[in-house]
N, C-alpha and C. Protein backbone atom coordinates (compact mmCIF):
# COMPACT_ATOMS: atom_id res chain seq x y z
N UNK A 1 92.81 -92.87 47.60
CA UNK A 1 93.36 -93.40 46.38
C UNK A 1 94.12 -92.30 45.65
N UNK A 2 95.27 -92.62 45.09
CA UNK A 2 96.08 -91.65 44.38
C UNK A 2 95.37 -91.18 43.12
N UNK A 3 95.40 -89.86 42.87
CA UNK A 3 94.81 -89.32 41.65
C UNK A 3 95.68 -89.65 40.45
N UNK A 4 95.03 -89.86 39.30
CA UNK A 4 95.75 -90.10 38.06
C UNK A 4 95.21 -89.17 37.00
N UNK A 5 96.05 -88.91 35.99
CA UNK A 5 95.69 -88.03 34.90
C UNK A 5 96.04 -88.70 33.57
N UNK A 6 95.56 -88.11 32.47
CA UNK A 6 95.85 -88.67 31.15
C UNK A 6 96.90 -87.89 30.40
N UNK A 7 97.19 -86.67 30.84
CA UNK A 7 98.11 -85.81 30.09
C UNK A 7 97.43 -85.10 28.94
N UNK A 8 96.09 -85.24 28.83
CA UNK A 8 95.33 -84.49 27.83
C UNK A 8 94.81 -83.23 28.51
N UNK A 9 95.56 -82.17 28.38
CA UNK A 9 95.26 -80.91 29.07
C UNK A 9 93.90 -80.38 28.63
N UNK A 10 93.09 -79.97 29.62
CA UNK A 10 91.75 -79.47 29.31
C UNK A 10 91.75 -78.01 28.89
N UNK A 11 92.72 -77.27 29.37
CA UNK A 11 92.78 -75.85 29.04
C UNK A 11 93.80 -75.14 29.90
N UNK A 12 93.74 -73.84 29.83
CA UNK A 12 94.73 -72.98 30.49
C UNK A 12 94.07 -72.20 31.62
N UNK A 13 94.86 -71.89 32.65
CA UNK A 13 94.42 -71.02 33.72
C UNK A 13 95.47 -69.94 33.96
N UNK A 14 95.06 -68.89 34.64
CA UNK A 14 95.98 -67.78 34.93
C UNK A 14 96.18 -67.66 36.44
N UNK A 15 97.43 -67.45 36.85
CA UNK A 15 97.76 -67.28 38.27
C UNK A 15 97.26 -65.92 38.74
N UNK A 16 96.33 -65.97 39.69
CA UNK A 16 95.73 -64.73 40.22
C UNK A 16 96.34 -64.32 41.55
N UNK A 17 96.83 -65.32 42.31
CA UNK A 17 97.39 -65.00 43.62
C UNK A 17 98.54 -65.92 43.97
N UNK A 18 99.56 -65.36 44.63
CA UNK A 18 100.71 -66.13 45.11
C UNK A 18 100.96 -65.73 46.56
N UNK A 19 100.86 -66.69 47.46
CA UNK A 19 101.06 -66.42 48.88
C UNK A 19 102.11 -67.37 49.42
N UNK A 20 103.27 -66.85 49.74
CA UNK A 20 104.35 -67.70 50.25
C UNK A 20 104.18 -67.91 51.75
N UNK A 21 104.30 -69.17 52.16
CA UNK A 21 104.13 -69.55 53.56
C UNK A 21 105.33 -70.37 53.99
N UNK A 22 106.39 -69.68 54.42
CA UNK A 22 107.63 -70.37 54.75
C UNK A 22 108.21 -71.00 53.51
N UNK A 23 108.43 -72.31 53.54
CA UNK A 23 108.96 -73.01 52.38
C UNK A 23 107.87 -73.43 51.41
N UNK A 24 106.62 -73.24 51.80
CA UNK A 24 105.50 -73.66 50.97
C UNK A 24 104.92 -72.47 50.21
N UNK A 25 103.92 -72.78 49.36
CA UNK A 25 103.34 -71.75 48.51
C UNK A 25 101.84 -72.02 48.38
N UNK A 26 101.05 -70.96 48.35
CA UNK A 26 99.61 -71.09 48.07
C UNK A 26 99.32 -70.32 46.78
N UNK A 27 98.74 -71.03 45.80
CA UNK A 27 98.44 -70.44 44.51
C UNK A 27 96.93 -70.32 44.32
N UNK A 28 96.50 -69.20 43.77
CA UNK A 28 95.12 -69.04 43.36
C UNK A 28 95.10 -68.92 41.84
N UNK A 29 94.26 -69.74 41.21
CA UNK A 29 94.27 -69.85 39.75
C UNK A 29 92.86 -69.66 39.21
N UNK A 30 92.74 -68.87 38.16
CA UNK A 30 91.47 -68.68 37.46
C UNK A 30 91.51 -69.51 36.19
N UNK A 31 90.65 -70.54 36.07
CA UNK A 31 90.65 -71.35 34.85
C UNK A 31 89.93 -70.66 33.71
N UNK A 32 90.43 -70.85 32.48
CA UNK A 32 89.77 -70.30 31.30
C UNK A 32 88.82 -71.31 30.67
N UNK A 33 88.70 -72.48 31.29
CA UNK A 33 87.77 -73.51 30.83
C UNK A 33 86.79 -73.81 31.96
N UNK A 34 85.67 -74.42 31.62
CA UNK A 34 84.65 -74.71 32.62
C UNK A 34 85.13 -75.78 33.59
N UNK A 35 85.32 -75.39 34.84
CA UNK A 35 85.66 -76.32 35.91
C UNK A 35 84.71 -76.11 37.07
N UNK A 36 83.44 -75.85 36.73
CA UNK A 36 82.44 -75.53 37.74
C UNK A 36 82.13 -76.72 38.65
N UNK A 37 82.51 -77.94 38.22
CA UNK A 37 82.23 -79.10 39.06
C UNK A 37 83.35 -79.40 40.05
N UNK A 38 84.40 -78.61 40.04
CA UNK A 38 85.52 -78.83 40.96
C UNK A 38 85.08 -78.50 42.39
N UNK A 39 85.49 -79.38 43.32
CA UNK A 39 85.15 -79.19 44.72
C UNK A 39 86.41 -79.20 45.57
N UNK A 40 86.31 -78.64 46.77
CA UNK A 40 87.43 -78.68 47.71
C UNK A 40 87.83 -80.14 47.96
N UNK A 41 89.12 -80.41 47.88
CA UNK A 41 89.63 -81.77 48.06
C UNK A 41 89.91 -82.47 46.75
N UNK A 42 89.42 -81.92 45.62
CA UNK A 42 89.69 -82.53 44.33
C UNK A 42 91.16 -82.33 43.94
N UNK A 43 91.63 -83.23 43.10
CA UNK A 43 93.01 -83.13 42.58
C UNK A 43 92.98 -82.51 41.19
N UNK A 44 93.91 -81.59 40.96
CA UNK A 44 94.05 -80.95 39.65
C UNK A 44 95.52 -80.93 39.28
N UNK A 45 95.81 -81.25 38.03
CA UNK A 45 97.17 -81.14 37.53
C UNK A 45 97.40 -79.71 37.07
N UNK A 46 98.39 -79.06 37.67
CA UNK A 46 98.75 -77.68 37.32
C UNK A 46 100.13 -77.73 36.66
N UNK A 47 100.13 -77.60 35.34
CA UNK A 47 101.36 -77.74 34.55
C UNK A 47 102.11 -79.02 34.93
N UNK A 48 101.34 -80.09 35.09
CA UNK A 48 101.92 -81.40 35.33
C UNK A 48 102.10 -81.78 36.78
N UNK A 49 101.77 -80.90 37.70
CA UNK A 49 101.95 -81.17 39.13
C UNK A 49 100.59 -81.43 39.77
N UNK A 50 100.44 -82.59 40.40
CA UNK A 50 99.19 -82.94 41.07
C UNK A 50 99.05 -82.14 42.36
N UNK A 51 97.99 -81.31 42.44
CA UNK A 51 97.75 -80.48 43.61
C UNK A 51 96.30 -80.64 44.07
N UNK A 52 96.05 -80.38 45.35
CA UNK A 52 94.72 -80.53 45.92
C UNK A 52 94.06 -79.18 46.11
N UNK A 53 92.83 -79.06 45.67
CA UNK A 53 92.07 -77.82 45.81
C UNK A 53 91.73 -77.61 47.28
N UNK A 54 92.13 -76.47 47.83
CA UNK A 54 91.88 -76.18 49.24
C UNK A 54 90.81 -75.12 49.44
N UNK A 55 90.49 -74.36 48.37
CA UNK A 55 89.48 -73.31 48.52
C UNK A 55 88.93 -72.97 47.13
N UNK A 56 87.67 -72.53 47.11
CA UNK A 56 87.01 -72.10 45.88
C UNK A 56 86.36 -70.75 46.13
N UNK A 57 86.59 -69.81 45.21
CA UNK A 57 86.04 -68.48 45.44
C UNK A 57 85.99 -67.70 44.13
N UNK A 58 84.83 -67.17 43.79
CA UNK A 58 84.66 -66.24 42.67
C UNK A 58 85.30 -66.73 41.38
N UNK A 59 84.99 -67.98 40.99
CA UNK A 59 85.49 -68.50 39.73
C UNK A 59 86.95 -68.89 39.74
N UNK A 60 87.55 -68.96 40.91
CA UNK A 60 88.95 -69.34 41.03
C UNK A 60 89.08 -70.46 42.04
N UNK A 61 90.20 -71.17 42.00
CA UNK A 61 90.48 -72.19 43.01
C UNK A 61 91.87 -71.98 43.57
N UNK A 62 92.06 -72.46 44.80
CA UNK A 62 93.34 -72.30 45.49
C UNK A 62 93.94 -73.67 45.77
N UNK A 63 95.25 -73.77 45.62
CA UNK A 63 95.98 -75.01 45.90
C UNK A 63 97.22 -74.68 46.72
N UNK A 64 97.61 -75.62 47.57
CA UNK A 64 98.83 -75.48 48.35
C UNK A 64 99.93 -76.31 47.72
N UNK A 65 101.14 -75.76 47.68
CA UNK A 65 102.29 -76.44 47.09
C UNK A 65 103.36 -76.58 48.16
N UNK A 66 103.77 -77.81 48.42
CA UNK A 66 104.77 -78.06 49.46
C UNK A 66 106.17 -77.67 48.99
N UNK A 67 107.07 -77.50 49.95
CA UNK A 67 108.46 -77.19 49.63
C UNK A 67 109.10 -78.28 48.80
N UNK A 68 108.76 -79.54 49.06
CA UNK A 68 109.29 -80.66 48.30
C UNK A 68 108.89 -80.55 46.82
N UNK A 69 107.60 -80.26 46.59
CA UNK A 69 107.12 -80.12 45.21
C UNK A 69 107.78 -78.93 44.53
N UNK A 70 107.95 -77.83 45.24
CA UNK A 70 108.60 -76.66 44.67
C UNK A 70 110.04 -76.96 44.26
N UNK A 71 110.72 -77.82 45.02
CA UNK A 71 112.12 -78.13 44.72
C UNK A 71 112.27 -79.00 43.49
N UNK A 72 111.20 -79.69 43.07
CA UNK A 72 111.28 -80.61 41.93
C UNK A 72 110.60 -80.08 40.67
N UNK A 73 109.97 -78.92 40.75
CA UNK A 73 109.17 -78.43 39.64
C UNK A 73 109.48 -76.97 39.33
N UNK A 74 108.75 -76.43 38.36
CA UNK A 74 108.93 -75.03 37.99
C UNK A 74 107.97 -74.09 38.73
N UNK A 75 107.12 -74.63 39.61
CA UNK A 75 106.08 -73.81 40.23
C UNK A 75 106.64 -72.68 41.08
N UNK A 76 107.82 -72.86 41.65
CA UNK A 76 108.41 -71.80 42.47
C UNK A 76 108.73 -70.56 41.64
N UNK A 77 108.82 -70.73 40.33
CA UNK A 77 109.17 -69.61 39.44
C UNK A 77 107.94 -68.88 38.90
N UNK A 78 106.75 -69.34 39.25
CA UNK A 78 105.54 -68.70 38.75
C UNK A 78 105.41 -67.26 39.24
N UNK A 79 104.86 -66.42 38.36
CA UNK A 79 104.58 -65.02 38.70
C UNK A 79 103.11 -64.73 38.46
N UNK A 80 102.63 -63.65 39.04
CA UNK A 80 101.25 -63.25 38.82
C UNK A 80 100.98 -63.08 37.33
N UNK A 81 99.84 -63.58 36.87
CA UNK A 81 99.39 -63.51 35.48
C UNK A 81 100.04 -64.56 34.58
N UNK A 82 100.94 -65.37 35.12
CA UNK A 82 101.48 -66.49 34.33
C UNK A 82 100.35 -67.47 34.03
N UNK A 83 100.47 -68.16 32.89
CA UNK A 83 99.47 -69.14 32.52
C UNK A 83 99.98 -70.56 32.77
N UNK A 84 99.07 -71.44 33.15
CA UNK A 84 99.43 -72.83 33.48
C UNK A 84 98.46 -73.78 32.78
N UNK A 85 98.92 -75.02 32.54
CA UNK A 85 98.06 -76.06 31.98
C UNK A 85 97.24 -76.71 33.09
N UNK A 86 95.97 -76.99 32.79
CA UNK A 86 95.08 -77.57 33.80
C UNK A 86 94.43 -78.85 33.30
N UNK A 87 94.35 -79.84 34.19
CA UNK A 87 93.61 -81.07 33.91
C UNK A 87 93.04 -81.62 35.21
N UNK A 88 91.75 -81.90 35.21
CA UNK A 88 91.14 -82.53 36.38
C UNK A 88 91.51 -84.01 36.43
N UNK A 89 91.47 -84.60 37.61
CA UNK A 89 91.86 -85.99 37.78
C UNK A 89 90.97 -86.92 36.96
N UNK A 90 91.57 -88.03 36.53
CA UNK A 90 90.88 -89.04 35.75
C UNK A 90 89.80 -89.72 36.59
N UNK A 91 88.61 -89.91 35.98
CA UNK A 91 87.54 -90.68 36.62
C UNK A 91 87.53 -92.08 36.01
N UNK A 92 86.98 -93.04 36.74
CA UNK A 92 86.97 -94.42 36.25
C UNK A 92 86.17 -94.58 34.96
N UNK A 93 85.24 -93.66 34.69
CA UNK A 93 84.41 -93.77 33.49
C UNK A 93 85.04 -93.06 32.29
N UNK A 94 86.16 -92.37 32.50
CA UNK A 94 86.79 -91.61 31.41
C UNK A 94 87.57 -92.52 30.47
N UNK A 95 87.67 -92.11 29.21
CA UNK A 95 88.56 -92.78 28.27
C UNK A 95 89.99 -92.33 28.55
N UNK A 96 90.94 -93.26 28.41
CA UNK A 96 92.34 -92.93 28.62
C UNK A 96 92.96 -92.63 27.26
N UNK A 97 92.94 -91.36 26.87
CA UNK A 97 93.42 -90.99 25.55
C UNK A 97 94.90 -90.70 25.48
N UNK A 98 95.52 -90.34 26.59
CA UNK A 98 96.95 -90.04 26.60
C UNK A 98 97.71 -91.22 27.17
N UNK A 99 98.33 -91.05 28.33
CA UNK A 99 98.92 -92.16 29.07
C UNK A 99 98.77 -91.87 30.54
N UNK A 100 99.02 -92.86 31.40
CA UNK A 100 98.84 -92.65 32.83
C UNK A 100 99.89 -91.69 33.37
N UNK A 101 99.42 -90.60 33.95
CA UNK A 101 100.29 -89.56 34.51
C UNK A 101 99.90 -89.37 35.97
N UNK A 102 100.88 -89.41 36.86
CA UNK A 102 100.58 -89.32 38.30
C UNK A 102 100.56 -87.89 38.82
N UNK A 103 101.22 -86.98 38.10
CA UNK A 103 101.33 -85.61 38.58
C UNK A 103 102.44 -85.44 39.60
N UNK A 104 103.25 -86.48 39.77
CA UNK A 104 104.41 -86.40 40.66
C UNK A 104 105.65 -86.18 39.79
N UNK A 105 106.00 -84.92 39.62
CA UNK A 105 107.05 -84.53 38.69
C UNK A 105 108.40 -85.11 39.11
N UNK A 106 109.13 -85.64 38.11
CA UNK A 106 110.45 -86.23 38.38
C UNK A 106 111.55 -85.19 38.42
N UNK A 107 111.37 -84.11 37.69
CA UNK A 107 112.40 -83.09 37.63
C UNK A 107 112.05 -82.05 36.58
N UNK A 108 113.03 -81.23 36.27
CA UNK A 108 112.83 -80.11 35.36
C UNK A 108 113.70 -80.29 34.13
N UNK A 109 113.14 -79.95 32.96
CA UNK A 109 113.90 -79.96 31.72
C UNK A 109 114.02 -78.55 31.18
N UNK A 110 114.94 -78.37 30.22
CA UNK A 110 115.13 -77.04 29.62
C UNK A 110 114.99 -77.16 28.10
N UNK A 111 114.21 -76.27 27.51
CA UNK A 111 114.03 -76.29 26.05
C UNK A 111 115.32 -75.85 25.37
N UNK A 112 115.87 -76.73 24.54
CA UNK A 112 117.13 -76.44 23.86
C UNK A 112 116.91 -75.88 22.46
N UNK A 113 115.94 -76.42 21.74
CA UNK A 113 115.61 -75.90 20.42
C UNK A 113 114.10 -75.94 20.22
N UNK A 114 113.62 -75.06 19.34
CA UNK A 114 112.19 -74.98 19.02
C UNK A 114 112.09 -74.62 17.54
N UNK A 115 111.66 -75.58 16.73
CA UNK A 115 111.63 -75.38 15.29
C UNK A 115 110.27 -75.74 14.72
N UNK A 116 109.76 -74.89 13.82
CA UNK A 116 108.49 -75.17 13.18
C UNK A 116 108.70 -76.03 11.95
N UNK A 117 107.87 -77.06 11.80
CA UNK A 117 107.87 -77.92 10.63
C UNK A 117 106.44 -78.04 10.14
N UNK A 118 106.16 -77.42 8.97
CA UNK A 118 104.80 -77.34 8.46
C UNK A 118 103.94 -76.65 9.52
N UNK A 119 102.89 -77.31 10.01
CA UNK A 119 102.01 -76.69 11.00
C UNK A 119 102.36 -77.11 12.43
N UNK A 120 103.32 -78.00 12.59
CA UNK A 120 103.71 -78.48 13.91
C UNK A 120 105.03 -77.85 14.35
N UNK A 121 105.37 -78.09 15.60
CA UNK A 121 106.64 -77.61 16.16
C UNK A 121 107.39 -78.80 16.74
N UNK A 122 108.71 -78.79 16.58
CA UNK A 122 109.59 -79.80 17.18
C UNK A 122 110.37 -79.14 18.31
N UNK A 123 110.22 -79.68 19.50
CA UNK A 123 110.96 -79.18 20.66
C UNK A 123 112.00 -80.21 21.09
N UNK A 124 113.21 -79.74 21.31
CA UNK A 124 114.24 -80.58 21.91
C UNK A 124 114.44 -80.10 23.34
N UNK A 125 114.30 -81.03 24.27
CA UNK A 125 114.31 -80.68 25.70
C UNK A 125 115.44 -81.43 26.40
N UNK A 126 116.29 -80.70 27.06
CA UNK A 126 117.39 -81.29 27.81
C UNK A 126 116.94 -81.71 29.20
N UNK A 127 117.42 -82.89 29.65
CA UNK A 127 117.08 -83.40 30.97
C UNK A 127 118.32 -83.99 31.62
N UNK A 128 118.23 -84.24 32.92
CA UNK A 128 119.33 -84.89 33.63
C UNK A 128 119.45 -86.34 33.17
N UNK A 129 120.67 -86.85 33.20
CA UNK A 129 120.91 -88.22 32.75
C UNK A 129 120.14 -89.23 33.60
N UNK A 130 119.89 -88.92 34.87
CA UNK A 130 119.15 -89.85 35.73
C UNK A 130 117.73 -90.07 35.23
N UNK A 131 117.17 -89.12 34.49
CA UNK A 131 115.82 -89.25 33.95
C UNK A 131 115.81 -89.91 32.58
N UNK A 132 116.90 -89.75 31.82
CA UNK A 132 116.91 -90.25 30.45
C UNK A 132 116.80 -91.77 30.38
N UNK A 133 117.12 -92.46 31.46
CA UNK A 133 117.03 -93.93 31.48
C UNK A 133 115.59 -94.39 31.30
N UNK A 134 114.61 -93.52 31.60
CA UNK A 134 113.21 -93.88 31.47
C UNK A 134 112.58 -93.35 30.18
N UNK A 135 113.38 -92.72 29.34
CA UNK A 135 112.86 -92.12 28.11
C UNK A 135 113.27 -92.98 26.93
N UNK A 136 112.29 -93.44 26.16
CA UNK A 136 112.59 -94.28 25.00
C UNK A 136 111.88 -93.73 23.76
N UNK A 137 112.47 -93.98 22.60
CA UNK A 137 111.88 -93.54 21.35
C UNK A 137 110.49 -94.16 21.18
N UNK A 138 109.52 -93.31 20.83
CA UNK A 138 108.10 -93.66 20.66
C UNK A 138 107.41 -93.99 21.99
N UNK A 139 108.10 -93.76 23.10
CA UNK A 139 107.46 -93.91 24.40
C UNK A 139 106.73 -92.63 24.79
N UNK A 140 106.09 -92.64 25.94
CA UNK A 140 105.32 -91.49 26.41
C UNK A 140 106.08 -90.70 27.46
N UNK A 141 105.83 -89.40 27.48
CA UNK A 141 106.42 -88.53 28.50
C UNK A 141 105.46 -87.37 28.72
N UNK A 142 105.43 -86.83 29.94
CA UNK A 142 104.60 -85.67 30.25
C UNK A 142 105.49 -84.44 30.40
N UNK A 143 105.20 -83.42 29.63
CA UNK A 143 105.93 -82.15 29.67
C UNK A 143 104.95 -81.06 30.09
N UNK A 144 105.15 -80.48 31.26
CA UNK A 144 104.20 -79.53 31.83
C UNK A 144 102.79 -80.12 31.85
N UNK A 145 102.72 -81.43 32.10
CA UNK A 145 101.44 -82.11 32.22
C UNK A 145 100.83 -82.54 30.90
N UNK A 146 101.54 -82.34 29.78
CA UNK A 146 101.03 -82.69 28.46
C UNK A 146 101.57 -84.06 28.06
N UNK A 147 100.69 -84.98 27.73
CA UNK A 147 101.11 -86.30 27.27
C UNK A 147 101.64 -86.20 25.85
N UNK A 148 102.92 -86.54 25.67
CA UNK A 148 103.57 -86.44 24.37
C UNK A 148 104.32 -87.72 24.04
N UNK A 149 104.53 -87.96 22.76
CA UNK A 149 105.30 -89.11 22.30
C UNK A 149 106.71 -88.67 21.98
N UNK A 150 107.69 -89.43 22.44
CA UNK A 150 109.10 -89.11 22.20
C UNK A 150 109.46 -89.48 20.77
N UNK A 151 109.89 -88.50 19.98
CA UNK A 151 110.33 -88.77 18.61
C UNK A 151 111.72 -89.39 18.59
N UNK A 152 112.63 -88.76 19.31
CA UNK A 152 114.02 -89.22 19.39
C UNK A 152 114.52 -88.93 20.79
N UNK A 153 115.52 -89.70 21.22
CA UNK A 153 116.10 -89.43 22.53
C UNK A 153 117.61 -89.64 22.52
N UNK A 154 118.28 -88.88 23.37
CA UNK A 154 119.72 -88.97 23.55
C UNK A 154 119.98 -89.19 25.04
N UNK A 155 121.24 -89.18 25.43
CA UNK A 155 121.57 -89.40 26.84
C UNK A 155 120.98 -88.32 27.75
N UNK A 156 120.96 -87.09 27.26
CA UNK A 156 120.50 -86.00 28.12
C UNK A 156 119.50 -85.09 27.42
N UNK A 157 118.78 -85.62 26.43
CA UNK A 157 117.78 -84.81 25.73
C UNK A 157 116.82 -85.71 24.97
N UNK A 158 115.66 -85.15 24.62
CA UNK A 158 114.69 -85.86 23.79
C UNK A 158 113.93 -84.84 22.95
N UNK A 159 113.31 -85.32 21.88
CA UNK A 159 112.52 -84.47 20.99
C UNK A 159 111.06 -84.90 21.01
N UNK A 160 110.16 -83.91 20.96
CA UNK A 160 108.73 -84.18 20.87
C UNK A 160 108.12 -83.29 19.80
N UNK A 161 107.00 -83.73 19.26
CA UNK A 161 106.28 -82.99 18.23
C UNK A 161 105.02 -82.37 18.84
N UNK A 162 104.81 -81.09 18.60
CA UNK A 162 103.64 -80.39 19.12
C UNK A 162 102.70 -80.09 17.95
N UNK A 163 101.56 -80.78 17.90
CA UNK A 163 100.60 -80.55 16.83
C UNK A 163 99.80 -79.28 17.12
N UNK A 164 99.15 -78.71 16.11
CA UNK A 164 98.42 -77.44 16.31
C UNK A 164 97.39 -77.48 17.44
N UNK A 165 96.63 -78.58 17.57
CA UNK A 165 95.62 -78.67 18.62
C UNK A 165 96.25 -78.59 20.00
N UNK A 166 97.36 -79.31 20.20
CA UNK A 166 98.05 -79.26 21.50
C UNK A 166 98.57 -77.86 21.78
N UNK A 167 99.12 -77.23 20.76
CA UNK A 167 99.62 -75.87 20.93
C UNK A 167 98.52 -74.89 21.27
N UNK A 168 97.30 -75.14 20.76
CA UNK A 168 96.18 -74.22 20.96
C UNK A 168 95.62 -74.28 22.38
N UNK A 169 95.59 -75.47 22.98
CA UNK A 169 94.92 -75.61 24.28
C UNK A 169 95.90 -75.67 25.46
N UNK A 170 97.19 -75.51 25.21
CA UNK A 170 98.18 -75.55 26.29
C UNK A 170 99.11 -74.35 26.19
N UNK A 171 100.01 -74.26 27.15
CA UNK A 171 100.98 -73.14 27.18
C UNK A 171 102.29 -73.49 26.48
N UNK A 172 102.42 -74.70 25.91
CA UNK A 172 103.72 -75.18 25.49
C UNK A 172 104.37 -74.30 24.41
N UNK A 173 103.59 -73.76 23.48
CA UNK A 173 104.20 -72.96 22.42
C UNK A 173 104.51 -71.53 22.87
N UNK A 174 104.08 -71.17 24.07
CA UNK A 174 104.48 -69.88 24.64
C UNK A 174 105.91 -69.96 25.19
N UNK A 175 106.39 -71.18 25.39
CA UNK A 175 107.73 -71.37 25.94
C UNK A 175 108.78 -71.00 24.89
N UNK A 176 109.91 -70.46 25.37
CA UNK A 176 111.01 -70.07 24.50
C UNK A 176 112.21 -70.96 24.76
N UNK A 177 113.17 -70.93 23.86
CA UNK A 177 114.42 -71.65 24.07
C UNK A 177 115.05 -71.15 25.37
N UNK A 178 115.43 -72.07 26.23
CA UNK A 178 115.99 -71.72 27.54
C UNK A 178 115.00 -71.81 28.67
N UNK A 179 113.70 -71.83 28.35
CA UNK A 179 112.67 -71.93 29.40
C UNK A 179 112.67 -73.33 30.02
N UNK A 180 112.24 -73.40 31.28
CA UNK A 180 112.16 -74.66 32.01
C UNK A 180 110.75 -75.24 31.94
N UNK A 181 110.67 -76.57 31.94
CA UNK A 181 109.39 -77.27 31.92
C UNK A 181 109.43 -78.42 32.91
N UNK A 182 108.26 -78.81 33.41
CA UNK A 182 108.15 -79.95 34.32
C UNK A 182 108.16 -81.25 33.53
N UNK A 183 108.91 -82.23 34.02
CA UNK A 183 109.04 -83.52 33.35
C UNK A 183 108.57 -84.65 34.26
N UNK A 184 107.66 -85.48 33.73
CA UNK A 184 107.32 -86.73 34.40
C UNK A 184 107.49 -87.87 33.40
N UNK A 185 108.40 -88.78 33.71
CA UNK A 185 108.64 -89.91 32.83
C UNK A 185 107.56 -90.97 33.01
N UNK A 186 107.53 -91.93 32.10
CA UNK A 186 106.47 -92.94 32.09
C UNK A 186 106.54 -93.84 33.32
N UNK A 187 105.41 -94.01 33.99
CA UNK A 187 105.34 -94.85 35.19
C UNK A 187 105.76 -96.29 34.91
N UNK A 188 105.42 -96.79 33.73
CA UNK A 188 105.69 -98.20 33.44
C UNK A 188 107.17 -98.50 33.49
N UNK A 189 107.99 -97.60 32.95
CA UNK A 189 109.43 -97.80 32.97
C UNK A 189 109.98 -97.88 34.39
N UNK A 190 109.44 -97.07 35.28
CA UNK A 190 109.91 -97.07 36.67
C UNK A 190 109.56 -98.39 37.36
N UNK A 191 108.34 -98.88 37.10
CA UNK A 191 107.92 -100.13 37.73
C UNK A 191 108.71 -101.31 37.19
N UNK A 192 108.99 -101.30 35.89
CA UNK A 192 109.78 -102.39 35.30
C UNK A 192 111.17 -102.41 35.91
N UNK A 193 111.78 -101.22 36.04
CA UNK A 193 113.11 -101.16 36.63
C UNK A 193 113.10 -101.69 38.06
N UNK A 194 112.12 -101.29 38.84
CA UNK A 194 112.05 -101.75 40.24
C UNK A 194 111.85 -103.25 40.31
N UNK A 195 111.05 -103.79 39.39
CA UNK A 195 110.80 -105.22 39.36
C UNK A 195 112.10 -106.00 39.16
N UNK A 196 112.91 -105.56 38.20
CA UNK A 196 114.15 -106.28 37.92
C UNK A 196 115.18 -106.08 39.01
N UNK A 197 115.25 -104.88 39.59
CA UNK A 197 116.20 -104.65 40.67
C UNK A 197 115.86 -105.50 41.88
N UNK A 198 114.56 -105.63 42.17
CA UNK A 198 114.14 -106.46 43.29
C UNK A 198 114.50 -107.92 43.02
N UNK A 199 114.29 -108.36 41.78
CA UNK A 199 114.58 -109.75 41.43
C UNK A 199 116.07 -110.06 41.57
N UNK A 200 116.90 -109.04 41.31
CA UNK A 200 118.35 -109.25 41.33
C UNK A 200 118.97 -108.86 42.67
N UNK A 201 118.14 -108.54 43.66
CA UNK A 201 118.67 -108.02 44.92
C UNK A 201 119.59 -109.01 45.63
N UNK A 202 119.43 -110.31 45.34
CA UNK A 202 120.30 -111.30 45.96
C UNK A 202 121.62 -111.44 45.23
N UNK A 203 121.75 -110.73 44.09
CA UNK A 203 122.99 -110.77 43.32
C UNK A 203 123.45 -109.35 43.06
N UNK A 204 124.08 -108.71 44.07
CA UNK A 204 124.45 -107.30 43.97
C UNK A 204 125.25 -106.96 42.73
N UNK A 205 126.06 -107.90 42.25
CA UNK A 205 126.91 -107.58 41.11
C UNK A 205 126.09 -107.40 39.83
N UNK A 206 124.81 -107.80 39.84
CA UNK A 206 123.98 -107.69 38.65
C UNK A 206 122.99 -106.53 38.73
N UNK A 207 123.04 -105.74 39.80
CA UNK A 207 122.03 -104.70 39.98
C UNK A 207 122.10 -103.64 38.88
N UNK A 208 123.24 -103.47 38.26
CA UNK A 208 123.36 -102.46 37.23
C UNK A 208 123.10 -103.04 35.85
N UNK A 209 122.60 -104.27 35.78
CA UNK A 209 122.35 -104.90 34.50
C UNK A 209 121.40 -104.06 33.66
N UNK A 210 121.63 -104.06 32.35
CA UNK A 210 120.79 -103.30 31.44
C UNK A 210 119.49 -104.05 31.18
N UNK A 211 118.38 -103.33 31.20
CA UNK A 211 117.10 -103.92 30.83
C UNK A 211 117.00 -103.83 29.32
N UNK A 212 117.29 -104.93 28.64
CA UNK A 212 117.29 -104.92 27.18
C UNK A 212 116.16 -105.79 26.64
N UNK A 213 116.10 -105.90 25.31
CA UNK A 213 115.02 -106.65 24.67
C UNK A 213 115.02 -108.12 25.08
N UNK A 214 116.21 -108.73 25.17
CA UNK A 214 116.30 -110.14 25.56
C UNK A 214 115.76 -110.36 26.96
N UNK A 215 116.12 -109.45 27.87
CA UNK A 215 115.66 -109.59 29.26
C UNK A 215 114.14 -109.45 29.35
N UNK A 216 113.57 -108.51 28.58
CA UNK A 216 112.12 -108.31 28.60
C UNK A 216 111.41 -109.55 28.06
N UNK A 217 111.92 -110.12 26.97
CA UNK A 217 111.31 -111.33 26.42
C UNK A 217 111.35 -112.48 27.42
N UNK A 218 112.49 -112.60 28.11
CA UNK A 218 112.68 -113.68 29.10
C UNK A 218 111.61 -113.64 30.17
N UNK A 219 111.15 -112.41 30.51
CA UNK A 219 110.17 -112.26 31.58
C UNK A 219 108.76 -112.01 31.06
N UNK A 220 108.54 -112.34 29.80
CA UNK A 220 107.17 -112.33 29.29
C UNK A 220 106.69 -111.06 28.66
N UNK A 221 107.59 -110.07 28.47
CA UNK A 221 107.17 -108.83 27.83
C UNK A 221 107.41 -108.95 26.33
N UNK A 222 106.46 -108.49 25.52
CA UNK A 222 106.60 -108.59 24.06
C UNK A 222 106.19 -109.95 23.59
N UNK A 223 106.55 -110.26 22.34
CA UNK A 223 106.13 -111.54 21.74
C UNK A 223 107.00 -112.69 22.19
């Protein structure tokens, strides 16, 4: 069964080892939070990327990262002593406090602005236009594995608010303008798009139709 996450990061870990194996990578990470129940074969989100624990040793765990995952995420840029966000996979008995996150990163975004407002921070993150179609105002998005609400969105950027608690338990406020972050858009938007494209597959001229409020109402979404 595919692992799922909530985007509520449990804490931070530090990269202790990097071993390159051809196009792949093996990372060893020391968690700063209690993960003593982690076992070989478990799934862990590492800065938003779902990875499988392959080894456990001396308070650290090891994960393998495929070339495909490296090409879609920021993990290839990690250096020794870099810090990463960590979250263990969701269990059926857990409360879903964030949103459903698969850990399958869609691509990379770049921080364009970082401004403090009172005790919070507002980040504007640039993304490719192919991803912006799944980003909506007040919708959910995962940034480096952190479940966040979109304040505003444009064709190639969106804004999120980082509250003090999120900043304290994650690496997000360590990021600077120009830094790259892992982006996973909301699963629901992808499934809705596929549903409508499949429905219109017999009418090729309509495949680019916009999924708007009227169309959603017609198919039973909303009131």
